[in-house]
Amino acid sequence: MATKELRAKSQEELTKELLDLRKAQFSLRMQSATQQLTNTSQLGKVRKEIARVKTIQSEKGRAK
C-alpha cells in the first residue's frame, strides 16, 4: 500500500491494517518454518509495510 493511502487513513484504520499485516507476517513465518514458502521476499515486504504503518501511526500521534 502506498504511503499516501496510509496517511489518508484514520488511526483506527491504521490499527486494523497493522493487525492484518501482523497476521500475514505470522502466516509467512509458519510457511517458512515448514518449508512451504516459495517466495521468501514476501517476508521482507510485509516487514517493511509494518514499519510504514507504525511510522505513520507515530507521526499522527505526535501531531495531536
N, C-alpha and C. Protein backbone atom coordinates (compact mmCIF):
# COMPACT_ATOMS: atom_id res chain seq x y z
N MET A 1 0.85 -1.17 0.00
CA MET A 1 0.00 0.00 0.00
C MET A 1 0.89 1.24 0.00
N ALA A 2 0.51 2.23 -0.77
CA ALA A 2 1.30 3.44 -0.89
C ALA A 2 1.21 4.27 0.38
N THR A 3 2.24 5.04 0.62
CA THR A 3 2.30 5.88 1.81
C THR A 3 1.18 6.91 1.81
N LYS A 4 0.84 7.45 0.64
CA LYS A 4 -0.24 8.43 0.56
C LYS A 4 -1.56 7.82 1.02
N GLU A 5 -1.80 6.58 0.64
CA GLU A 5 -3.03 5.90 1.04
C GLU A 5 -3.05 5.68 2.55
N LEU A 6 -1.90 5.34 3.12
CA LEU A 6 -1.84 5.12 4.56
C LEU A 6 -2.05 6.42 5.33
N ARG A 7 -1.50 7.52 4.83
CA ARG A 7 -1.66 8.80 5.52
C ARG A 7 -3.12 9.26 5.52
N ALA A 8 -3.89 8.83 4.53
CA ALA A 8 -5.29 9.24 4.44
C ALA A 8 -6.18 8.47 5.42
N LYS A 9 -5.68 7.38 5.98
CA LYS A 9 -6.48 6.56 6.88
C LYS A 9 -6.50 7.14 8.29
N SER A 10 -7.55 6.77 9.01
CA SER A 10 -7.65 7.21 10.41
C SER A 10 -6.80 6.30 11.29
N GLN A 11 -6.66 6.68 12.54
CA GLN A 11 -5.86 5.91 13.49
C GLN A 11 -6.42 4.49 13.66
N GLU A 12 -7.75 4.37 13.71
CA GLU A 12 -8.38 3.06 13.87
C GLU A 12 -8.13 2.17 12.64
N GLU A 13 -8.21 2.77 11.46
CA GLU A 13 -7.96 2.01 10.24
C GLU A 13 -6.50 1.55 10.17
N LEU A 14 -5.60 2.40 10.64
CA LEU A 14 -4.18 2.02 10.67
C LEU A 14 -3.95 0.87 11.64
N THR A 15 -4.64 0.88 12.77
CA THR A 15 -4.51 -0.19 13.74
C THR A 15 -5.01 -1.50 13.15
N LYS A 16 -6.11 -1.45 12.42
CA LYS A 16 -6.64 -2.65 11.78
C LYS A 16 -5.68 -3.15 10.70
N GLU A 17 -5.12 -2.24 9.93
CA GLU A 17 -4.15 -2.59 8.90
C GLU A 17 -2.92 -3.26 9.51
N LEU A 18 -2.46 -2.72 10.64
CA LEU A 18 -1.31 -3.29 11.33
C LEU A 18 -1.61 -4.70 11.82
N LEU A 19 -2.80 -4.90 12.34
CA LEU A 19 -3.19 -6.24 12.80
C LEU A 19 -3.22 -7.23 11.64
N ASP A 20 -3.76 -6.82 10.51
CA ASP A 20 -3.80 -7.69 9.33
C ASP A 20 -2.39 -8.03 8.84
N LEU A 21 -1.50 -7.04 8.87
CA LEU A 21 -0.13 -7.28 8.43
C LEU A 21 0.61 -8.22 9.38
N ARG A 22 0.35 -8.08 10.67
CA ARG A 22 0.99 -8.98 11.65
C ARG A 22 0.52 -10.42 11.45
N LYS A 23 -0.78 -10.58 11.14
CA LYS A 23 -1.30 -11.93 10.87
C LYS A 23 -0.64 -12.51 9.62
N ALA A 24 -0.47 -11.68 8.59
CA ALA A 24 0.17 -12.12 7.36
C ALA A 24 1.63 -12.50 7.63
N GLN A 25 2.30 -11.72 8.46
CA GLN A 25 3.68 -12.00 8.80
C GLN A 25 3.80 -13.34 9.54
N PHE A 26 2.89 -13.56 10.47
CA PHE A 26 2.90 -14.83 11.20
C PHE A 26 2.69 -16.00 10.26
N SER A 27 1.74 -15.85 9.35
CA SER A 27 1.46 -16.91 8.39
C SER A 27 2.68 -17.20 7.52
N LEU A 28 3.35 -16.16 7.07
CA LEU A 28 4.55 -16.35 6.25
C LEU A 28 5.67 -17.01 7.03
N ARG A 29 5.81 -16.64 8.30
CA ARG A 29 6.84 -17.27 9.13
C ARG A 29 6.57 -18.75 9.32
N MET A 30 5.30 -19.11 9.51
CA MET A 30 4.96 -20.52 9.66
C MET A 30 5.21 -21.29 8.36
N GLN A 31 4.89 -20.67 7.22
CA GLN A 31 5.17 -21.31 5.94
C GLN A 31 6.66 -21.50 5.74
N SER A 32 7.44 -20.51 6.17
CA SER A 32 8.89 -20.61 6.05
C SER A 32 9.44 -21.72 6.94
N ALA A 33 8.91 -21.85 8.13
CA ALA A 33 9.38 -22.86 9.07
C ALA A 33 9.06 -24.27 8.59
N THR A 34 7.97 -24.42 7.86
CA THR A 34 7.58 -25.75 7.38
C THR A 34 8.02 -25.99 5.93
N GLN A 35 8.90 -25.12 5.44
CA GLN A 35 9.46 -25.25 4.08
C GLN A 35 8.39 -25.17 2.99
N GLN A 36 7.32 -24.44 3.22
CA GLN A 36 6.26 -24.28 2.22
C GLN A 36 6.31 -22.93 1.52
N LEU A 37 7.15 -22.02 2.00
CA LEU A 37 7.22 -20.67 1.43
C LEU A 37 8.13 -20.69 0.21
N THR A 38 7.59 -20.32 -0.94
CA THR A 38 8.38 -20.33 -2.16
C THR A 38 9.00 -18.97 -2.45
N ASN A 39 8.29 -17.89 -2.13
CA ASN A 39 8.79 -16.55 -2.39
C ASN A 39 9.19 -15.91 -1.07
N THR A 40 10.44 -16.04 -0.71
CA THR A 40 10.91 -15.57 0.60
C THR A 40 10.97 -14.04 0.68
N SER A 41 10.91 -13.35 -0.44
CA SER A 41 10.96 -11.89 -0.40
C SER A 41 9.69 -11.30 0.20
N GLN A 42 8.63 -12.09 0.28
CA GLN A 42 7.38 -11.61 0.87
C GLN A 42 7.58 -11.24 2.33
N LEU A 43 8.44 -11.97 3.03
CA LEU A 43 8.69 -11.67 4.44
C LEU A 43 9.22 -10.24 4.62
N GLY A 44 10.18 -9.87 3.80
CA GLY A 44 10.76 -8.53 3.88
C GLY A 44 9.76 -7.45 3.51
N LYS A 45 8.93 -7.74 2.51
CA LYS A 45 7.93 -6.76 2.08
C LYS A 45 6.92 -6.49 3.18
N VAL A 46 6.46 -7.55 3.84
CA VAL A 46 5.49 -7.39 4.92
C VAL A 46 6.12 -6.65 6.09
N ARG A 47 7.37 -6.99 6.39
CA ARG A 47 8.05 -6.33 7.49
C ARG A 47 8.19 -4.82 7.24
N LYS A 48 8.52 -4.45 6.02
CA LYS A 48 8.65 -3.03 5.67
C LYS A 48 7.31 -2.32 5.71
N GLU A 49 6.27 -3.02 5.29
CA GLU A 49 4.92 -2.43 5.33
C GLU A 49 4.49 -2.19 6.77
N ILE A 50 4.82 -3.12 7.67
CA ILE A 50 4.52 -2.94 9.09
C ILE A 50 5.25 -1.70 9.61
N ALA A 51 6.50 -1.54 9.23
CA ALA A 51 7.27 -0.37 9.66
C ALA A 51 6.65 0.92 9.14
N ARG A 52 6.15 0.90 7.90
CA ARG A 52 5.49 2.10 7.35
C ARG A 52 4.26 2.48 8.16
N VAL A 53 3.44 1.48 8.47
CA VAL A 53 2.22 1.76 9.22
C VAL A 53 2.55 2.29 10.61
N LYS A 54 3.53 1.68 11.27
CA LYS A 54 3.90 2.13 12.61
C LYS A 54 4.48 3.55 12.59
N THR A 55 5.23 3.87 11.54
CA THR A 55 5.79 5.22 11.41
C THR A 55 4.68 6.25 11.25
N ILE A 56 3.72 5.95 10.41
CA ILE A 56 2.62 6.90 10.18
C ILE A 56 1.78 7.02 11.44
N GLN A 57 1.58 5.92 12.18
CA GLN A 57 0.84 5.99 13.43
C GLN A 57 1.54 6.92 14.42
N SER A 58 2.85 6.82 14.51
CA SER A 58 3.58 7.67 15.44
C SER A 58 3.56 9.13 15.00
N GLU A 59 3.61 9.36 13.69
CA GLU A 59 3.54 10.73 13.18
C GLU A 59 2.18 11.35 13.52
N LYS A 60 1.11 10.57 13.36
CA LYS A 60 -0.22 11.08 13.67
C LYS A 60 -0.36 11.30 15.18
N GLY A 61 0.28 10.47 15.97
CA GLY A 61 0.24 10.62 17.42
C GLY A 61 0.95 11.88 17.87
N ARG A 62 2.07 12.19 17.23
CA ARG A 62 2.80 13.41 17.58
C ARG A 62 2.07 14.66 17.13
N ALA A 63 1.30 14.57 16.06
CA ALA A 63 0.59 15.72 15.52
C ALA A 63 -0.54 16.17 16.44
N LYS A 64 -1.05 15.24 17.26
CA LYS A 64 -2.17 15.60 18.13
C LYS A 64 -1.70 16.25 19.36
